[in-house]
Amino acid sequence: MEHVRKRPGMYIGGTDSKALHHLIYEVVDNSIDEALAGRCDHILVTLYDDDIVSVQDNGGGIPVGINPSTNKPTVEGVMTEIGMGGKFGTGAYKVSGGLHGVGVSAVNALSTEMRTNVFRDGFLWEQIYKQGVVATKLKKLRALEPGEHSGTKQTFHPDFTILEHNSFNFDTLAQRFREMAFVTRRVNITLKDERKRPIPHETTFYFEGGLYSYVRYLNRNRRPLHDPVYLEKDIEISREGKEPIVIGVEVAFQYNDSANVVEMAFANTINTPDGGTHLTGLRSAITGVINRYARKASLLKDKEPNFSGSDTMEGITAIVSVKHPD
């Protein structure tokens, strides 16, 4: 954990405002992992005065039982060991996001104080850390109320002796959470600002249609030429001498009357702005299908060349999301 404090750029990409917001994203990514595993459908992010943030979900809750290999509660290992988040033995996530893959422990290391509350096994549990170091033992605070859901609540205050002293920006967070809600459909993400300045307010993001809805949102100020084309499929990949893996692929695209190209690509719910093989594959597939249709319908003569990628991408809004096991 001390290495995180000495080299924060290796873990959260820097010490600037972008890195500050990444602390929240890293915690929310844990909740998104719970949603992808089918255990969570609501995430609440709250901004308080004095730069305090909480992230709460209604997932399964981080396990609180003793890890036999360390003789410590599993939650303590998740919070204090880099990269352990999401790997709870048989409970490991099949698909896990997180831009740097360091887990919530890096957030803990870069916080003056972090409070972990777990709603699990019939009780509310709590453990407190200071600068990534255990400050209190795991406590059982009370029994859960009837109807009170399992889940995890993380509350932290960034350490501005390491990070530049910036403020959390509501609009920056809202843009990211809107994107997350489109890519992880049927998950309710609420962003609440309880700071006195500006006036307290909140917004909620929830989308049934996934990327279909996202394409329509991106084209809301354009004139679409047709309804979005939407595809979703799980593809099993065989591996010699190993268990096959299943890759989830979701695609949506729609042409409009502009010449602009809007392309977005996601891997395990994380935006990959530099593209990648998943975006290259989508471009190639669309171009190939259009050329085959044009030949079959005699829209292209035998001696005419195929349409190029730039031809077929003009005026398109296209999104691809892949979910790949780590």
C-alpha atoms as a PDB file:
ATOM      1  CA  MET A   1       0.000   0.000   0.000  1.00  0.00           C
ATOM      2  CA  GLU A   2       2.926   2.319   0.661  1.00  0.00           C
ATOM      3  CA  HIS A   3       3.976   1.899  -2.968  1.00  0.00           C
ATOM      4  CA  VAL A   4       0.571   3.235  -4.071  1.00  0.00           C
ATOM      5  CA  ARG A   5       1.107   6.346  -1.990  1.00  0.00           C
ATOM      6  CA  LYS A   6       4.600   6.855  -3.396  1.00  0.00           C
ATOM      7  CA  ARG A   7       3.670   6.109  -7.025  1.00  0.00           C
ATOM      8  CA  PRO A   8      -0.029   7.019  -7.429  1.00  0.00           C
ATOM      9  CA  GLY A   9       0.364   7.542 -11.178  1.00  0.00           C
ATOM     10  CA  MET A  10       1.005   3.826 -11.636  1.00  0.00           C
ATOM     11  CA  TYR A  11      -2.339   3.012 -10.040  1.00  0.00           C
ATOM     12  CA  ILE A  12      -4.803   5.808 -10.844  1.00  0.00           C
ATOM     13  CA  GLY A  13      -3.064   7.566 -13.725  1.00  0.00           C
ATOM     14  CA  GLY A  14      -1.768  10.655 -11.915  1.00  0.00           C
ATOM     15  CA  THR A  15      -2.576  13.094  -9.119  1.00  0.00           C
ATOM     16  CA  ASP A  16      -4.702  15.647 -11.003  1.00  0.00           C
ATOM     17  CA  SER A  17      -8.460  16.193 -11.183  1.00  0.00           C
ATOM     18  CA  LYS A  18      -8.883  13.248 -13.560  1.00  0.00           C
ATOM     19  CA  ALA A  19      -7.141  10.961 -11.061  1.00  0.00           C
ATOM     20  CA  LEU A  20      -9.303  12.328  -8.244  1.00  0.00           C
ATOM     21  CA  HIS A  21     -12.471  11.379 -10.106  1.00  0.00           C
ATOM     22  CA  HIS A  22     -10.951   8.007 -10.947  1.00  0.00           C
ATOM     23  CA  LEU A  23     -11.049   7.169  -7.228  1.00  0.00           C
ATOM     24  CA  ILE A  24     -14.838   7.221  -7.432  1.00  0.00           C
ATOM     25  CA  TYR A  25     -14.880   5.283 -10.696  1.00  0.00           C
ATOM     26  CA  GLU A  26     -12.735   2.525  -9.198  1.00  0.00           C
ATOM     27  CA  VAL A  27     -15.188   2.046  -6.329  1.00  0.00           C
ATOM     28  CA  VAL A  28     -18.212   2.206  -8.639  1.00  0.00           C
ATOM     29  CA  ASP A  29     -16.573  -0.357 -10.937  1.00  0.00           C
ATOM     30  CA  ASN A  30     -16.726  -2.825  -8.034  1.00  0.00           C
ATOM     31  CA  SER A  31     -20.479  -2.251  -7.865  1.00  0.00           C
ATOM     32  CA  ILE A  32     -20.764  -2.630 -11.647  1.00  0.00           C
ATOM     33  CA  ASP A  33     -18.962  -5.978 -11.324  1.00  0.00           C
ATOM     34  CA  GLU A  34     -21.668  -6.998  -8.845  1.00  0.00           C
ATOM     35  CA  ALA A  35     -24.302  -5.942 -11.381  1.00  0.00           C
ATOM     36  CA  LEU A  36     -22.650  -7.968 -14.157  1.00  0.00           C
ATOM     37  CA  ALA A  37     -22.724 -10.961 -11.821  1.00  0.00           C
ATOM     38  CA  GLY A  38     -26.480 -10.459 -11.391  1.00  0.00           C
ATOM     39  CA  ARG A  39     -26.313  -9.433  -7.737  1.00  0.00           C
ATOM     40  CA  CYS A  40     -26.861  -5.665  -7.927  1.00  0.00           C
ATOM     41  CA  ASP A  41     -29.312  -3.329  -9.628  1.00  0.00           C
ATOM     42  CA  HIS A  42     -28.865  -0.066  -7.725  1.00  0.00           C
ATOM     43  CA  ILE A  43     -25.796   2.087  -7.074  1.00  0.00           C
ATOM     44  CA  LEU A  44     -25.879   5.329  -5.087  1.00  0.00           C
ATOM     45  CA  VAL A  45     -22.996   7.820  -5.228  1.00  0.00           C
ATOM     46  CA  THR A  46     -23.195  10.723  -2.767  1.00  0.00           C
ATOM     47  CA  LEU A  47     -20.994  13.825  -2.604  1.00  0.00           C
ATOM     48  CA  TYR A  48     -20.700  15.531   0.787  1.00  0.00           C
ATOM     49  CA  ASP A  49     -19.048  18.696   2.008  1.00  0.00           C
ATOM     50  CA  ASP A  50     -15.344  18.513   2.889  1.00  0.00           C
ATOM     51  CA  ASP A  51     -14.630  16.303  -0.178  1.00  0.00           C
ATOM     52  CA  ILE A  52     -16.176  13.188   1.347  1.00  0.00           C
ATOM     53  CA  VAL A  53     -17.760  10.615  -0.997  1.00  0.00           C
ATOM     54  CA  SER A  54     -19.798   7.474  -0.441  1.00  0.00           C
ATOM     55  CA  VAL A  55     -20.652   4.691  -2.890  1.00  0.00           C
ATOM     56  CA  GLN A  56     -23.333   2.199  -1.887  1.00  0.00           C
ATOM     57  CA  ASP A  57     -24.781  -0.766  -3.771  1.00  0.00           C
ATOM     58  CA  ASN A  58     -27.296  -3.519  -3.100  1.00  0.00           C
ATOM     59  CA  GLY A  59     -25.007  -6.329  -4.207  1.00  0.00           C
ATOM     60  CA  GLY A  60     -23.936  -9.365  -2.263  1.00  0.00           C
ATOM     61  CA  GLY A  61     -21.618  -7.457   0.071  1.00  0.00           C
ATOM     62  CA  ILE A  62     -17.886  -8.092   0.388  1.00  0.00           C
ATOM     63  CA  PRO A  63     -17.399 -11.371   2.304  1.00  0.00           C
ATOM     64  CA  VAL A  64     -16.607 -10.860   5.983  1.00  0.00           C
ATOM     65  CA  GLY A  65     -15.581 -14.418   6.840  1.00  0.00           C
ATOM     66  CA  ILE A  66     -12.039 -15.321   7.826  1.00  0.00           C
ATOM     67  CA  ASN A  67      -9.689 -16.055   4.932  1.00  0.00           C
ATOM     68  CA  PRO A  68      -7.868 -19.256   5.994  1.00  0.00           C
ATOM     69  CA  SER A  69      -4.688 -18.293   4.134  1.00  0.00           C
ATOM     70  CA  THR A  70      -4.305 -14.990   6.008  1.00  0.00           C
ATOM     71  CA  ASN A  71      -6.402 -15.604   9.131  1.00  0.00           C
ATOM     72  CA  LYS A  72      -7.987 -12.193   8.518  1.00  0.00           C
ATOM     73  CA  PRO A  73     -11.464 -11.180   7.330  1.00  0.00           C
ATOM     74  CA  THR A  74     -11.757 -11.338   3.553  1.00  0.00           C
ATOM     75  CA  VAL A  75     -12.978  -7.741   3.457  1.00  0.00           C
ATOM     76  CA  GLU A  76      -9.733  -6.617   5.100  1.00  0.00           C
ATOM     77  CA  GLY A  77      -7.709  -8.287   2.363  1.00  0.00           C
ATOM     78  CA  VAL A  78      -9.862  -6.711  -0.342  1.00  0.00           C
ATOM     79  CA  MET A  79      -9.308  -3.287   1.189  1.00  0.00           C
ATOM     80  CA  THR A  80      -5.577  -3.579   1.880  1.00  0.00           C
ATOM     81  CA  GLU A  81      -4.131  -5.851  -0.831  1.00  0.00           C
ATOM     82  CA  ILE A  82      -3.708  -4.492  -4.363  1.00  0.00           C
ATOM     83  CA  GLY A  83      -5.647  -6.393  -7.022  1.00  0.00           C
ATOM     84  CA  MET A  84      -7.567  -8.646  -4.642  1.00  0.00           C
ATOM     85  CA  GLY A  85     -10.918  -6.931  -5.232  1.00  0.00           C
ATOM     86  CA  GLY A  86     -13.439  -9.198  -6.960  1.00  0.00           C
ATOM     87  CA  LYS A  87     -11.393 -12.365  -6.436  1.00  0.00           C
ATOM     88  CA  PHE A  88     -13.164 -14.083  -3.580  1.00  0.00           C
ATOM     89  CA  GLY A  89     -12.287 -17.672  -4.472  1.00  0.00           C
ATOM     90  CA  THR A  90     -15.362 -19.325  -5.960  1.00  0.00           C
ATOM     91  CA  GLY A  91     -17.066 -15.930  -5.980  1.00  0.00           C
ATOM     92  CA  ALA A  92     -14.631 -14.413  -8.484  1.00  0.00           C
ATOM     93  CA  TYR A  93     -16.291 -12.384 -11.213  1.00  0.00           C
ATOM     94  CA  LYS A  94     -16.424 -13.878 -14.689  1.00  0.00           C
ATOM     95  CA  VAL A  95     -16.145 -10.361 -16.086  1.00  0.00           C
ATOM     96  CA  SER A  96     -14.551  -7.474 -14.245  1.00  0.00           C
ATOM     97  CA  GLY A  97     -14.066  -3.832 -15.178  1.00  0.00           C
ATOM     98  CA  GLY A  98     -11.718  -1.261 -13.685  1.00  0.00           C
ATOM     99  CA  LEU A  99      -9.398   0.809 -15.849  1.00  0.00           C
ATOM    100  CA  HIS A 100      -6.229   0.001 -13.963  1.00  0.00           C
ATOM    101  CA  GLY A 101      -7.423  -3.228 -12.318  1.00  0.00           C
ATOM    102  CA  VAL A 102      -6.087  -2.221  -8.917  1.00  0.00           C
ATOM    103  CA  GLY A 103      -9.377  -2.427  -7.073  1.00  0.00           C
ATOM    104  CA  VAL A 104     -10.683  -0.452  -4.144  1.00  0.00           C
ATOM    105  CA  SER A 105      -7.468  -0.967  -2.162  1.00  0.00           C
ATOM    106  CA  ALA A 106      -5.726   1.777  -4.172  1.00  0.00           C
ATOM    107  CA  VAL A 107      -8.540   4.155  -3.255  1.00  0.00           C
ATOM    108  CA  ASN A 108      -8.025   3.155   0.366  1.00  0.00           C
ATOM    109  CA  ALA A 109      -4.293   3.838   0.148  1.00  0.00           C
ATOM    110  CA  LEU A 110      -4.927   7.306  -1.282  1.00  0.00           C
ATOM    111  CA  SER A 111      -7.526   8.312   1.322  1.00  0.00           C
ATOM    112  CA  THR A 112      -6.938   9.941   4.679  1.00  0.00           C
ATOM    113  CA  GLU A 113      -9.747   7.743   5.965  1.00  0.00           C
ATOM    114  CA  MET A 114     -11.961   5.092   4.415  1.00  0.00           C
ATOM    115  CA  ARG A 115     -14.933   3.463   6.098  1.00  0.00           C
ATOM    116  CA  THR A 116     -16.234   0.150   4.772  1.00  0.00           C
ATOM    117  CA  ASN A 117     -19.738  -0.943   5.745  1.00  0.00           C
ATOM    118  CA  VAL A 118     -20.943  -4.361   4.654  1.00  0.00           C
ATOM    119  CA  PHE A 119     -24.570  -5.481   4.801  1.00  0.00           C
ATOM    120  CA  ARG A 120     -24.211  -9.237   4.797  1.00  0.00           C
ATOM    121  CA  ASP A 121     -24.947 -12.461   6.662  1.00  0.00           C
ATOM    122  CA  GLY A 122     -27.729 -10.806   8.647  1.00  0.00           C
ATOM    123  CA  PHE A 123     -25.613  -7.996  10.096  1.00  0.00           C
ATOM    124  CA  LEU A 124     -24.144  -4.579   9.358  1.00  0.00           C
ATOM    125  CA  TRP A 125     -20.346  -4.722   9.606  1.00  0.00           C
ATOM    126  CA  GLU A 126     -17.792  -1.924   9.693  1.00  0.00           C
ATOM    127  CA  GLN A 127     -14.055  -1.503   9.377  1.00  0.00           C
ATOM    128  CA  ILE A 128     -12.111   1.785   9.239  1.00  0.00           C
ATOM    129  CA  TYR A 129      -8.761   2.431   7.557  1.00  0.00           C
ATOM    130  CA  LYS A 130      -6.419   5.416   7.585  1.00  0.00           C
ATOM    131  CA  GLN A 131      -4.092   5.945   4.618  1.00  0.00           C
ATOM    132  CA  GLY A 132      -4.676   2.327   3.634  1.00  0.00           C
ATOM    133  CA  VAL A 133      -3.789   0.900   7.038  1.00  0.00           C
ATOM    134  CA  VAL A 134      -6.304  -0.885   9.274  1.00  0.00           C
ATOM    135  CA  ALA A 135      -7.428   1.499  12.030  1.00  0.00           C
ATOM    136  CA  THR A 136     -10.150  -0.641  13.625  1.00  0.00           C
ATOM    137  CA  LYS A 137     -10.937  -4.329  13.631  1.00  0.00           C
ATOM    138  CA  LEU A 138     -13.977  -5.524  11.718  1.00  0.00           C
ATOM    139  CA  LYS A 139     -17.000  -4.837  13.939  1.00  0.00           C
ATOM    140  CA  LYS A 140     -20.510  -6.206  13.909  1.00  0.00           C
ATOM    141  CA  LEU A 141     -22.589  -3.044  14.436  1.00  0.00           C
ATOM    142  CA  ARG A 142     -26.150  -4.380  14.437  1.00  0.00           C
ATOM    143  CA  ALA A 143     -28.564  -6.872  12.965  1.00  0.00           C
ATOM    144  CA  LEU A 144     -30.078  -5.983   9.595  1.00  0.00           C
ATOM    145  CA  GLU A 145     -33.617  -4.639   9.664  1.00  0.00           C
ATOM    146  CA  PRO A 146     -36.408  -6.685   8.042  1.00  0.00           C
ATOM    147  CA  GLY A 147     -36.256  -6.028   4.306  1.00  0.00           C
ATOM    148  CA  GLU A 148     -32.819  -4.385   4.524  1.00  0.00           C
ATOM    149  CA  HIS A 149     -30.815  -5.539   1.520  1.00  0.00           C
ATOM    150  CA  SER A 150     -27.302  -6.894   1.401  1.00  0.00           C
ATOM    151  CA  GLY A 151     -24.624  -4.677  -0.110  1.00  0.00           C
ATOM    152  CA  THR A 152     -21.516  -2.592   0.453  1.00  0.00           C
ATOM    153  CA  LYS A 153     -21.050   1.083   1.310  1.00  0.00           C
ATOM    154  CA  GLN A 154     -17.650   2.715   0.903  1.00  0.00           C
ATOM    155  CA  THR A 155     -17.063   6.197   2.351  1.00  0.00           C
ATOM    156  CA  PHE A 156     -13.740   7.935   1.818  1.00  0.00           C
ATOM    157  CA  HIS A 157     -11.877  11.244   1.933  1.00  0.00           C
ATOM    158  CA  PRO A 158      -9.047  11.676  -0.617  1.00  0.00           C
ATOM    159  CA  ASP A 159      -5.584  12.398   0.735  1.00  0.00           C
ATOM    160  CA  PHE A 160      -4.693  15.821  -0.647  1.00  0.00           C
ATOM    161  CA  THR A 161      -1.153  15.574   0.644  1.00  0.00           C
ATOM    162  CA  ILE A 162      -0.696  13.215  -2.322  1.00  0.00           C
ATOM    163  CA  LEU A 163      -3.380  14.342  -4.769  1.00  0.00           C
ATOM    164  CA  GLU A 164      -3.812  17.865  -6.072  1.00  0.00           C
ATOM    165  CA  HIS A 165      -6.595  19.608  -4.149  1.00  0.00           C
ATOM    166  CA  ASN A 166      -9.425  19.662  -6.679  1.00  0.00           C
ATOM    167  CA  SER A 167     -13.167  19.364  -6.149  1.00  0.00           C
ATOM    168  CA  PHE A 168     -15.424  16.624  -7.452  1.00  0.00           C
ATOM    169  CA  ASN A 169     -17.355  17.858 -10.485  1.00  0.00           C
ATOM    170  CA  PHE A 170     -20.997  16.772 -10.642  1.00  0.00           C
ATOM    171  CA  ASP A 171     -21.253  17.063 -14.438  1.00  0.00           C
ATOM    172  CA  THR A 172     -18.070  15.037 -14.994  1.00  0.00           C
ATOM    173  CA  LEU A 173     -19.405  12.263 -12.786  1.00  0.00           C
ATOM    174  CA  ALA A 174     -22.867  12.417 -14.365  1.00  0.00           C
ATOM    175  CA  GLN A 175     -21.425  11.963 -17.852  1.00  0.00           C
ATOM    176  CA  ARG A 176     -19.477   8.891 -16.738  1.00  0.00           C
ATOM    177  CA  PHE A 177     -22.414   7.334 -14.894  1.00  0.00           C
ATOM    178  CA  ARG A 178     -24.785   7.927 -17.810  1.00  0.00           C
ATOM    179  CA  GLU A 179     -22.338   6.026 -19.987  1.00  0.00           C
ATOM    180  CA  MET A 180     -22.088   3.224 -17.406  1.00  0.00           C
ATOM    181  CA  ALA A 181     -25.877   2.918 -17.209  1.00  0.00           C
ATOM    182  CA  PHE A 182     -26.181   2.583 -20.992  1.00  0.00           C
ATOM    183  CA  VAL A 183     -23.466  -0.085 -21.159  1.00  0.00           C
ATOM    184  CA  THR A 184     -24.733  -1.933 -18.059  1.00  0.00           C
ATOM    185  CA  ARG A 185     -28.435  -1.870 -18.779  1.00  0.00           C
ATOM    186  CA  ARG A 186     -31.145  -2.238 -16.143  1.00  0.00           C
ATOM    187  CA  VAL A 187     -28.842  -0.858 -13.442  1.00  0.00           C
ATOM    188  CA  ASN A 188     -30.047   2.219 -11.594  1.00  0.00           C
ATOM    189  CA  ILE A 189     -27.191   4.659 -10.894  1.00  0.00           C
ATOM    190  CA  THR A 190     -28.072   7.653  -8.719  1.00  0.00           C
ATOM    191  CA  LEU A 191     -25.691  10.572  -8.258  1.00  0.00           C
ATOM    192  CA  LYS A 192     -26.601  12.745  -5.284  1.00  0.00           C
ATOM    193  CA  ASP A 193     -24.872  16.029  -4.429  1.00  0.00           C
ATOM    194  CA  GLU A 194     -25.463  16.990  -0.794  1.00  0.00           C
ATOM    195  CA  ARG A 195     -22.870  19.748  -0.724  1.00  0.00           C
ATOM    196  CA  LYS A 196     -24.199  23.117   0.437  1.00  0.00           C
ATOM    197  CA  ARG A 197     -22.596  24.833  -2.553  1.00  0.00           C
ATOM    198  CA  PRO A 198     -23.934  24.362  -5.128  1.00  0.00           C
ATOM    199  CA  ILE A 199     -27.519  23.709  -4.054  1.00  0.00           C
ATOM    200  CA  PRO A 200     -28.025  19.995  -3.228  1.00  0.00           C
ATOM    201  CA  HIS A 201     -29.468  18.023  -6.157  1.00  0.00           C
ATOM    202  CA  GLU A 202     -29.441  14.559  -7.689  1.00  0.00           C
ATOM    203  CA  THR A 203     -29.956  12.684 -10.928  1.00  0.00           C
ATOM    204  CA  THR A 204     -30.626   9.053 -11.757  1.00  0.00           C
ATOM    205  CA  PHE A 205     -29.598   7.048 -14.819  1.00  0.00           C
ATOM    206  CA  TYR A 206     -31.461   3.913 -15.873  1.00  0.00           C
ATOM    207  CA  PHE A 207     -31.815   2.479 -19.381  1.00  0.00           C
ATOM    208  CA  GLU A 208     -33.660  -0.662 -20.430  1.00  0.00           C
ATOM    209  CA  GLY A 209     -32.371  -0.692 -23.986  1.00  0.00           C
ATOM    210  CA  GLY A 210     -28.606  -0.863 -23.514  1.00  0.00           C
ATOM    211  CA  LEU A 211     -26.649   0.214 -26.580  1.00  0.00           C
ATOM    212  CA  TYR A 212     -29.859   0.540 -28.600  1.00  0.00           C
ATOM    213  CA  SER A 213     -30.885   3.345 -26.261  1.00  0.00           C
ATOM    214  CA  TYR A 214     -27.363   4.772 -26.284  1.00  0.00           C
ATOM    215  CA  VAL A 215     -27.295   5.140 -30.076  1.00  0.00           C
ATOM    216  CA  ARG A 216     -30.672   6.877 -29.989  1.00  0.00           C
ATOM    217  CA  TYR A 217     -29.372   9.215 -27.293  1.00  0.00           C
ATOM    218  CA  LEU A 218     -26.248  10.090 -29.281  1.00  0.00           C
ATOM    219  CA  ASN A 219     -28.368  10.771 -32.376  1.00  0.00           C
ATOM    220  CA  ARG A 220     -31.010  12.795 -30.545  1.00  0.00           C
ATOM    221  CA  ASN A 221     -29.975  16.021 -32.303  1.00  0.00           C
ATOM    222  CA  ARG A 222     -29.427  14.400 -35.703  1.00  0.00           C
ATOM    223  CA  ARG A 223     -31.844  13.074 -38.315  1.00  0.00           C
ATOM    224  CA  PRO A 224     -31.647   9.251 -38.293  1.00  0.00           C
ATOM    225  CA  LEU A 225     -32.246   7.386 -41.548  1.00  0.00           C
ATOM    226  CA  HIS A 226     -33.611   4.217 -39.897  1.00  0.00           C
ATOM    227  CA  ASP A 227     -34.153   2.548 -36.535  1.00  0.00           C
ATOM    228  CA  PRO A 228     -30.959   1.418 -34.785  1.00  0.00           C
ATOM    229  CA  VAL A 229     -29.608  -1.973 -35.809  1.00  0.00           C
ATOM    230  CA  TYR A 230     -29.037  -3.954 -32.620  1.00  0.00           C
ATOM    231  CA  LEU A 231     -27.301  -7.285 -32.011  1.00  0.00           C
ATOM    232  CA  GLU A 232     -26.373  -9.131 -28.847  1.00  0.00           C
ATOM    233  CA  LYS A 233     -24.790 -12.570 -28.561  1.00  0.00           C
ATOM    234  CA  ASP A 234     -22.638 -14.707 -26.284  1.00  0.00           C
ATOM    235  CA  ILE A 235     -19.881 -16.401 -28.280  1.00  0.00           C
ATOM    236  CA  GLU A 236     -18.122 -19.495 -26.961  1.00  0.00           C
ATOM    237  CA  ILE A 237     -14.437 -19.700 -27.843  1.00  0.00           C
ATOM    238  CA  SER A 238     -12.746 -23.111 -27.696  1.00  0.00           C
ATOM    239  CA  ARG A 239      -9.237 -23.326 -26.225  1.00  0.00           C
ATOM    240  CA  GLU A 240      -6.943 -26.304 -26.609  1.00  0.00           C
ATOM    241  CA  GLY A 241      -6.420 -28.022 -23.281  1.00  0.00           C
ATOM    242  CA  LYS A 242      -8.507 -25.436 -21.428  1.00  0.00           C
ATOM    243  CA  GLU A 243     -12.113 -24.696 -20.634  1.00  0.00           C
ATOM    244  CA  PRO A 244     -13.838 -22.657 -23.340  1.00  0.00           C
ATOM    245  CA  ILE A 245     -14.494 -19.016 -22.591  1.00  0.00           C
ATOM    246  CA  VAL A 246     -17.645 -17.062 -23.353  1.00  0.00           C
ATOM    247  CA  ILE A 247     -17.364 -13.537 -24.736  1.00  0.00           C
ATOM    248  CA  GLY A 248     -20.433 -11.329 -24.686  1.00  0.00           C
ATOM    249  CA  VAL A 249     -20.802  -9.008 -27.673  1.00  0.00           C
ATOM    250  CA  GLU A 250     -23.324  -6.166 -27.956  1.00  0.00           C
ATOM    251  CA  VAL A 251     -23.529  -3.924 -31.027  1.00  0.00           C
ATOM    252  CA  ALA A 252     -25.767  -1.053 -32.080  1.00  0.00           C
ATOM    253  CA  PHE A 253     -25.478   1.333 -35.014  1.00  0.00           C
ATOM    254  CA  GLN A 254     -27.574   3.820 -36.920  1.00  0.00           C
ATOM    255  CA  TYR A 255     -26.947   6.020 -39.946  1.00  0.00           C
ATOM    256  CA  ASN A 256     -28.000   9.659 -39.998  1.00  0.00           C
ATOM    257  CA  ASP A 257     -28.008  12.410 -42.623  1.00  0.00           C
ATOM    258  CA  SER A 258     -24.728  13.990 -41.487  1.00  0.00           C
ATOM    259  CA  ALA A 259     -21.251  13.119 -42.714  1.00  0.00           C
ATOM    260  CA  ASN A 260     -19.910  12.733 -39.182  1.00  0.00           C
ATOM    261  CA  VAL A 261     -18.702   9.425 -37.786  1.00  0.00           C
ATOM    262  CA  VAL A 262     -19.369   8.643 -34.117  1.00  0.00           C
ATOM    263  CA  GLU A 263     -17.780   5.431 -32.857  1.00  0.00           C
ATOM    264  CA  MET A 264     -17.551   4.160 -29.296  1.00  0.00           C
ATOM    265  CA  ALA A 265     -16.045   0.944 -27.982  1.00  0.00           C
ATOM    266  CA  PHE A 266     -16.177  -0.678 -24.554  1.00  0.00           C
ATOM    267  CA  ALA A 267     -14.382  -3.635 -23.010  1.00  0.00           C
ATOM    268  CA  ASN A 268     -15.806  -4.984 -19.752  1.00  0.00           C
ATOM    269  CA  THR A 269     -17.880  -1.778 -19.450  1.00  0.00           C
ATOM    270  CA  ILE A 270     -14.774   0.457 -19.707  1.00  0.00           C
ATOM    271  CA  ASN A 271     -14.610   2.999 -22.528  1.00  0.00           C
ATOM    272  CA  THR A 272     -11.644   2.292 -24.823  1.00  0.00           C
ATOM    273  CA  PRO A 273     -11.268   5.628 -26.643  1.00  0.00           C
ATOM    274  CA  ASP A 274      -8.324   4.376 -28.698  1.00  0.00           C
ATOM    275  CA  GLY A 275     -10.484   1.638 -30.178  1.00  0.00           C
ATOM    276  CA  GLY A 276      -9.110  -1.877 -30.410  1.00  0.00           C
ATOM    277  CA  THR A 277      -9.795  -5.124 -32.205  1.00  0.00           C
ATOM    278  CA  HIS A 278     -13.457  -5.039 -31.154  1.00  0.00           C
ATOM    279  CA  LEU A 279     -13.989  -1.724 -32.978  1.00  0.00           C
ATOM    280  CA  THR A 280     -11.867  -2.819 -35.945  1.00  0.00           C
ATOM    281  CA  GLY A 281     -13.983  -5.963 -36.187  1.00  0.00           C
ATOM    282  CA  LEU A 282     -17.212  -3.964 -36.163  1.00  0.00           C
ATOM    283  CA  ARG A 283     -16.015  -1.674 -38.952  1.00  0.00           C
ATOM    284  CA  SER A 284     -14.884  -4.642 -41.033  1.00  0.00           C
ATOM    285  CA  ALA A 285     -18.155  -6.510 -40.497  1.00  0.00           C
ATOM    286  CA  ILE A 286     -20.333  -3.553 -41.497  1.00  0.00           C
ATOM    287  CA  THR A 287     -18.231  -2.832 -44.586  1.00  0.00           C
ATOM    288  CA  GLY A 288     -18.248  -6.500 -45.593  1.00  0.00           C
ATOM    289  CA  VAL A 289     -22.019  -6.879 -45.246  1.00  0.00           C
ATOM    290  CA  ILE A 290     -22.711  -3.718 -47.246  1.00  0.00           C
ATOM    291  CA  ASN A 291     -20.388  -4.817 -50.057  1.00  0.00           C
ATOM    292  CA  ARG A 292     -21.906  -8.298 -50.213  1.00  0.00           C
ATOM    293  CA  TYR A 293     -25.389  -6.831 -50.372  1.00  0.00           C
ATOM    294  CA  ALA A 294     -24.342  -4.295 -53.013  1.00  0.00           C
ATOM    295  CA  ARG A 295     -22.931  -7.104 -55.192  1.00  0.00           C
ATOM    296  CA  LYS A 296     -25.940  -9.340 -54.706  1.00  0.00           C
ATOM    297  CA  ALA A 297     -28.354  -6.513 -55.538  1.00  0.00           C
ATOM    298  CA  SER A 298     -26.231  -5.431 -58.525  1.00  0.00           C
ATOM    299  CA  LEU A 299     -25.677  -2.011 -56.981  1.00  0.00           C
ATOM    300  CA  LEU A 300     -21.992  -2.533 -57.740  1.00  0.00           C
ATOM    301  CA  LYS A 301     -21.031  -3.690 -61.214  1.00  0.00           C
ATOM    302  CA  ASP A 302     -18.463  -6.443 -61.718  1.00  0.00           C
ATOM    303  CA  LYS A 303     -15.694  -4.026 -62.650  1.00  0.00           C
ATOM    304  CA  GLU A 304     -16.449  -1.523 -59.903  1.00  0.00           C
ATOM    305  CA  PRO A 305     -14.369  -1.672 -56.716  1.00  0.00           C
ATOM    306  CA  ASN A 306     -15.912  -2.418 -53.345  1.00  0.00           C
ATOM    307  CA  PHE A 307     -16.935   0.375 -51.047  1.00  0.00           C
ATOM    308  CA  SER A 308     -14.114   1.372 -48.729  1.00  0.00           C
ATOM    309  CA  GLY A 309     -14.381   1.582 -44.964  1.00  0.00           C
ATOM    310  CA  SER A 310     -14.559   5.361 -45.142  1.00  0.00           C
ATOM    311  CA  ASP A 311     -17.483   5.044 -47.568  1.00  0.00           C
ATOM    312  CA  THR A 312     -19.496   2.724 -45.337  1.00  0.00           C
ATOM    313  CA  MET A 313     -18.738   4.572 -42.093  1.00  0.00           C
ATOM    314  CA  GLU A 314     -19.845   8.010 -43.274  1.00  0.00           C
ATOM    315  CA  GLY A 315     -22.796   9.231 -41.216  1.00  0.00           C
ATOM    316  CA  ILE A 316     -22.777   6.297 -38.809  1.00  0.00           C
ATOM    317  CA  THR A 317     -23.161   6.245 -35.048  1.00  0.00           C
ATOM    318  CA  ALA A 318     -21.844   2.875 -33.900  1.00  0.00           C
ATOM    319  CA  ILE A 319     -21.137   1.328 -30.507  1.00  0.00           C
ATOM    320  CA  VAL A 320     -19.625  -2.040 -29.646  1.00  0.00           C
ATOM    321  CA  SER A 321     -19.274  -3.520 -26.180  1.00  0.00           C
ATOM    322  CA  VAL A 322     -17.489  -6.770 -25.381  1.00  0.00           C
ATOM    323  CA  LYS A 323     -17.431  -8.574 -22.063  1.00  0.00           C
ATOM    324  CA  HIS A 324     -14.362 -10.775 -21.820  1.00  0.00           C
ATOM    325  CA  PRO A 325     -13.357 -12.901 -18.816  1.00  0.00           C
ATOM    326  CA  ASP A 326     -10.020 -11.863 -17.323  1.00  0.00           C
END
